Protein backbone atom coordinates (compact mmCIF):
# COMPACT_ATOMS: atom_id res chain seq x y z
CA MET A 1 -7.53 1.00 -29.10
CA ASN A 2 -5.66 0.42 -32.34
CA TYR A 3 -5.43 4.18 -32.94
CA LYS A 4 -3.34 4.52 -29.77
CA ILE A 5 -0.75 1.98 -30.90
CA THR A 6 -0.48 3.29 -34.45
CA GLY A 7 -0.51 6.91 -33.27
CA ALA A 8 2.26 6.25 -30.74
CA PHE A 9 4.44 4.50 -33.33
CA ASN A 10 3.78 7.19 -35.94
CA LYS A 11 4.87 9.89 -33.49
CA THR A 12 8.04 8.07 -32.41
CA LYS A 13 9.21 6.30 -35.57
CA LYS A 14 11.43 9.20 -36.57
CA TYR A 15 13.34 8.78 -33.30
CA PHE A 16 14.09 5.04 -33.62
CA ILE A 17 17.32 5.59 -35.57
CA ILE A 18 18.44 8.23 -33.06
CA TYR A 19 17.70 5.81 -30.19
CA ALA A 20 19.67 3.05 -31.93
CA ILE A 21 22.69 5.30 -32.57
CA LEU A 22 22.60 6.55 -28.98
CA TRP A 23 22.34 2.95 -27.71
CA LEU A 24 25.39 1.96 -29.79
CA PHE A 25 27.35 4.97 -28.55
CA ILE A 26 26.58 4.19 -24.91
CA VAL A 27 27.48 0.52 -25.42
CA ILE A 28 30.88 1.46 -26.86
CA VAL A 29 31.67 4.23 -24.39
CA PHE A 30 30.23 2.83 -21.14
CA VAL A 31 29.07 -0.78 -21.38
CA MET A 32 32.23 -2.21 -22.95
CA PRO A 33 34.51 -0.56 -20.36
CA MET A 34 32.16 -1.68 -17.58
CA GLY A 35 32.28 -5.28 -18.85
CA ALA A 36 36.08 -5.14 -19.05
CA GLY A 37 36.28 -3.62 -15.57
CA ILE A 38 34.06 -6.33 -14.09
CA ALA A 39 36.03 -9.08 -15.85
CA GLU A 40 39.39 -7.76 -14.62
CA ALA A 41 38.07 -7.16 -11.09
CA ASN A 42 36.78 -10.74 -10.77
CA VAL A 43 40.07 -12.45 -9.97
CA ASN A 44 39.82 -15.96 -8.51
CA GLY A 45 36.11 -15.46 -7.78
CA VAL A 46 36.73 -12.42 -5.54
CA PHE A 47 35.39 -9.08 -6.75
CA ASP A 48 37.68 -6.06 -6.18
CA MET A 49 35.67 -2.83 -6.46
CA GLY A 50 38.76 -0.58 -6.55
CA LYS A 51 40.23 -2.48 -9.49
CA CYS A 52 36.85 -2.41 -11.25
CA ILE A 53 36.58 1.37 -10.95
CA THR A 54 40.17 2.05 -12.05
CA THR A 55 39.86 -0.34 -14.99
CA PHE A 56 36.51 1.15 -15.99
CA THR A 57 37.84 4.71 -15.92
CA SER A 58 40.97 3.80 -17.90
CA TYR A 59 38.88 2.02 -20.57
CA ALA A 60 36.18 4.74 -20.54
CA LEU A 61 38.79 7.40 -21.33
CA LYS A 62 39.97 5.28 -24.28
CA PRO A 63 36.87 3.26 -25.25
CA LEU A 64 38.33 1.70 -28.39
CA SER A 65 41.09 0.04 -26.33
CA SER A 66 38.47 -2.21 -24.72
CA PHE A 67 36.89 -3.01 -28.10
CA GLY A 68 39.38 -5.73 -29.00
CA LYS A 69 39.65 -7.22 -25.53
CA ILE A 70 35.93 -7.49 -24.89
CA PHE A 71 35.44 -10.30 -27.41
CA THR A 72 38.01 -12.62 -25.85
CA PRO A 73 36.69 -15.62 -23.86
CA GLU A 74 37.63 -14.21 -20.43
CA TYR A 75 35.93 -10.83 -21.01
CA LEU A 76 32.91 -11.87 -23.09
CA PRO A 77 30.65 -13.33 -20.33
CA SER A 78 30.83 -10.19 -18.18
CA PHE A 79 30.27 -7.95 -21.25
CA VAL A 80 27.22 -9.96 -22.35
CA SER A 81 25.82 -9.82 -18.81
CA VAL A 82 26.16 -6.04 -18.62
CA LEU A 83 24.94 -5.63 -22.21
CA TRP A 84 21.65 -7.50 -21.81
CA LYS A 85 20.88 -5.71 -18.53
CA PHE A 86 21.57 -2.32 -20.13
CA THR A 87 19.54 -3.24 -23.23
CA PHE A 88 16.62 -4.41 -21.09
CA ILE A 89 16.59 -1.09 -19.20
CA TRP A 90 16.91 0.80 -22.52
CA ILE A 91 13.90 -1.06 -23.95
CA ILE A 92 11.85 -0.28 -20.82
CA PHE A 93 12.61 3.44 -21.15
CA ALA A 94 11.82 3.34 -24.89
CA ALA A 95 8.49 1.61 -24.17
CA ILE A 96 7.65 4.26 -21.57
CA GLY A 97 8.43 6.96 -24.12
CA ILE A 98 6.21 5.31 -26.74
CA ILE A 99 3.37 4.91 -24.24
CA LYS A 100 3.68 8.57 -23.18
CA ASN A 101 3.38 9.61 -26.85
CA ALA A 102 0.17 7.66 -27.38
CA PRO A 103 -2.71 9.93 -28.40
CA LYS A 104 -5.46 10.48 -25.85
CA ASN A 105 -8.23 10.01 -28.43
CA GLU A 106 -8.41 9.21 -32.12
CA TYR A 107 -8.88 12.88 -33.07
CA ALA A 108 -5.80 14.11 -31.16
CA ASP A 109 -3.71 15.30 -34.11
CA ILE A 110 -6.48 16.43 -36.42
CA GLU A 111 -6.62 20.19 -36.73
CA HIS A 112 -9.92 21.65 -35.61
CA GLY A 113 -11.42 23.55 -38.49
CA SER A 114 -9.61 21.64 -41.20
CA SER A 115 -11.20 19.58 -43.91
CA ASP A 116 -9.90 16.32 -42.44
CA TRP A 117 -13.47 15.39 -41.50
CA SER A 118 -14.34 14.79 -45.14
CA GLN A 119 -12.93 12.34 -47.62
CA ARG A 120 -12.37 12.29 -51.38
CA GLY A 121 -13.65 15.81 -52.01
CA GLU A 122 -17.13 15.42 -50.51
CA GLN A 123 -16.85 18.88 -48.92
CA TYR A 124 -16.89 20.42 -52.41
CA ARG A 125 -20.60 19.59 -52.76
CA ILE A 126 -21.10 22.52 -50.40
CA LEU A 127 -17.80 24.40 -50.49
CA SER A 128 -15.52 25.61 -53.24
CA ASN A 129 -11.84 24.87 -53.65
CA LYS A 130 -11.12 27.93 -55.81
CA LYS A 131 -12.60 31.17 -54.44
CA GLY A 132 -14.91 32.64 -51.86
CA ILE A 133 -14.73 33.25 -48.12
CA ILE A 134 -11.76 31.39 -46.63
CA LEU A 135 -12.81 28.69 -44.17
CA ALA A 136 -9.69 26.49 -44.11
CA GLU A 137 -6.75 25.71 -46.34
CA GLY A 138 -8.20 24.79 -49.73
CA ASN A 139 -11.80 25.29 -48.60
CA TYR A 140 -13.82 28.37 -49.48
CA LEU A 141 -17.46 29.23 -48.95
CA PRO A 142 -18.69 30.43 -52.34
CA VAL A 143 -20.38 33.82 -52.29
CA ASP A 144 -22.42 33.14 -55.43
CA LYS A 145 -24.12 30.16 -53.81
CA ARG A 146 -27.87 30.01 -53.30
CA GLY A 147 -29.06 29.90 -49.75
CA ASN A 148 -27.40 30.90 -46.53
CA VAL A 149 -23.80 32.07 -46.83
CA ASN A 150 -23.51 33.56 -43.34
CA VAL A 151 -20.25 32.75 -41.57
CA LEU A 152 -19.66 32.69 -37.84
CA VAL A 153 -16.00 33.12 -36.95
CA VAL A 154 -15.07 31.69 -33.56
CA GLY A 155 -11.65 32.44 -32.17
CA ARG A 156 -9.28 35.32 -31.79
CA PHE A 157 -7.82 37.67 -34.29
CA ARG A 158 -4.50 39.10 -33.19
CA PHE A 159 -1.98 41.22 -34.92
CA TRP A 160 1.19 42.77 -33.59
């Protein structure tokens, strides 16, 4: 089971910085204006949807104008509320993506026919790493070897 977790993180770790930058961009462009729109639409405890939409669109067109206002005491609670909900949904989607990238078995990314089955050069007791009949990258079947040197090639050979 550990291979699934490590395999999923190894496949997705190169995307973590991209996800973080995208999260920050969406927070600045959409979440901050939404928090400002909700704060300005909540006047005297009554929520005005029309004012929320017009305020959101005006701040979304100029997202840096809401940047200074959002950290004031009257805007901050609505921004934090929208931010944690958005972040929670973002984490759920990221977790789904990581789970989808989990390998199906522990040999999922090992090339069939490669020398990944052996460790620390043990294949060179039988094979050669210099010359002979090519079996895989860096692995040759020596032709001057005693015994059986027959090779069965399974697969297709195509050329254009």
